Amino acid sequence: MANQLLVLKQDLTAGHQMN
């Protein structure tokens, strides 16, 4: 469960940085 949260957070950060 924690792993999924970490991935989601990373994905959000990556998406924001890319934008």
PDB file of N, CA and C in Angstrom:
ATOM      1  N   MET A   1       0.845  -1.200   0.000  1.00  0.00           N
ATOM      2  CA  MET A   1       0.000   0.000   0.000  1.00  0.00           C
ATOM      3  C   MET A   1       0.889   1.263   0.000  1.00  0.00           C
ATOM      4  N   ALA A   2       1.877   1.253   0.870  1.00  0.00           N
ATOM      5  CA  ALA A   2       2.766   2.427   0.952  1.00  0.00           C
ATOM      6  C   ALA A   2       3.481   2.631  -0.380  1.00  0.00           C
ATOM      7  N   ASN A   3       3.841   1.520  -1.012  1.00  0.00           N
ATOM      8  CA  ASN A   3       4.554   1.623  -2.293  1.00  0.00           C
ATOM      9  C   ASN A   3       3.689   2.342  -3.320  1.00  0.00           C
ATOM     10  N   GLN A   4       2.398   2.006  -3.346  1.00  0.00           N
ATOM     11  CA  GLN A   4       1.506   2.639  -4.317  1.00  0.00           C
ATOM     12  C   GLN A   4       1.454   4.146  -4.073  1.00  0.00           C
ATOM     13  N   LEU A   5       1.423   4.526  -2.803  1.00  0.00           N
ATOM     14  CA  LEU A   5       1.347   5.955  -2.479  1.00  0.00           C
ATOM     15  C   LEU A   5       2.603   6.663  -2.962  1.00  0.00           C
ATOM     16  N   LEU A   6       3.736   6.002  -2.768  1.00  0.00           N
ATOM     17  CA  LEU A   6       5.011   6.606  -3.179  1.00  0.00           C
ATOM     18  C   LEU A   6       5.020   6.793  -4.702  1.00  0.00           C
ATOM     19  N   VAL A   7       4.577   5.785  -5.399  1.00  0.00           N
ATOM     20  CA  VAL A   7       4.556   5.861  -6.871  1.00  0.00           C
ATOM     21  C   VAL A   7       3.614   6.974  -7.310  1.00  0.00           C
ATOM     22  N   LEU A   8       2.476   7.069  -6.664  1.00  0.00           N
ATOM     23  CA  LEU A   8       1.500   8.092  -7.043  1.00  0.00           C
ATOM     24  C   LEU A   8       2.096   9.486  -6.821  1.00  0.00           C
ATOM     25  N   LYS A   9       2.771   9.644  -5.683  1.00  0.00           N
ATOM     26  CA  LYS A   9       3.377  10.943  -5.370  1.00  0.00           C
ATOM     27  C   LYS A   9       4.444  11.271  -6.411  1.00  0.00           C
ATOM     28  N   GLN A  10       5.247  10.274  -6.745  1.00  0.00           N
ATOM     29  CA  GLN A  10       6.317  10.507  -7.720  1.00  0.00           C
ATOM     30  C   GLN A  10       5.713  10.877  -9.080  1.00  0.00           C
ATOM     31  N   ASP A  11       4.658  10.168  -9.441  1.00  0.00           N
ATOM     32  CA  ASP A  11       4.016  10.427 -10.727  1.00  0.00           C
ATOM     33  C   ASP A  11       3.471  11.859 -10.758  1.00  0.00           C
ATOM     34  N   LEU A  12       2.890  12.277  -9.655  1.00  0.00           N
ATOM     35  CA  LEU A  12       2.333  13.632  -9.594  1.00  0.00           C
ATOM     36  C   LEU A  12       3.450  14.659  -9.720  1.00  0.00           C
ATOM     37  N   THR A  13       4.545  14.406  -9.020  1.00  0.00           N
ATOM     38  CA  THR A  13       5.680  15.339  -9.065  1.00  0.00           C
ATOM     39  C   THR A  13       6.254  15.393 -10.478  1.00  0.00           C
ATOM     40  N   ALA A  14       6.411  14.240 -11.096  1.00  0.00           N
ATOM     41  CA  ALA A  14       6.985  14.178 -12.445  1.00  0.00           C
ATOM     42  C   ALA A  14       6.061  14.910 -13.414  1.00  0.00           C
ATOM     43  N   GLY A  15       4.778  14.688 -13.306  1.00  0.00           N
ATOM     44  CA  GLY A  15       3.816  15.328 -14.203  1.00  0.00           C
ATOM     45  C   GLY A  15       3.858  16.842 -14.037  1.00  0.00           C
ATOM     46  N   HIS A  16       3.959  17.287 -12.806  1.00  0.00           N
ATOM     47  CA  HIS A  16       3.977  18.732 -12.557  1.00  0.00           C
ATOM     48  C   HIS A  16       5.253  19.343 -13.111  1.00  0.00           C
ATOM     49  N   GLN A  17       6.365  18.621 -12.929  1.00  0.00           N
ATOM     50  CA  GLN A  17       7.653  19.148 -13.406  1.00  0.00           C
ATOM     51  C   GLN A  17       7.645  19.193 -14.941  1.00  0.00           C
ATOM     52  N   MET A  18       7.088  18.162 -15.547  1.00  0.00           N
ATOM     53  CA  MET A  18       7.057  18.111 -17.012  1.00  0.00           C
ATOM     54  C   MET A  18       6.207  19.265 -17.551  1.00  0.00           C
ATOM     55  N   ASN A  19       5.105  19.537 -16.873  1.00  0.00           N
ATOM     56  CA  ASN A  19       4.222  20.605 -17.312  1.00  0.00           C
ATOM     57  C   ASN A  19       4.926  21.944 -17.100  1.00  0.00           C
TER      58      ASN A  19
END
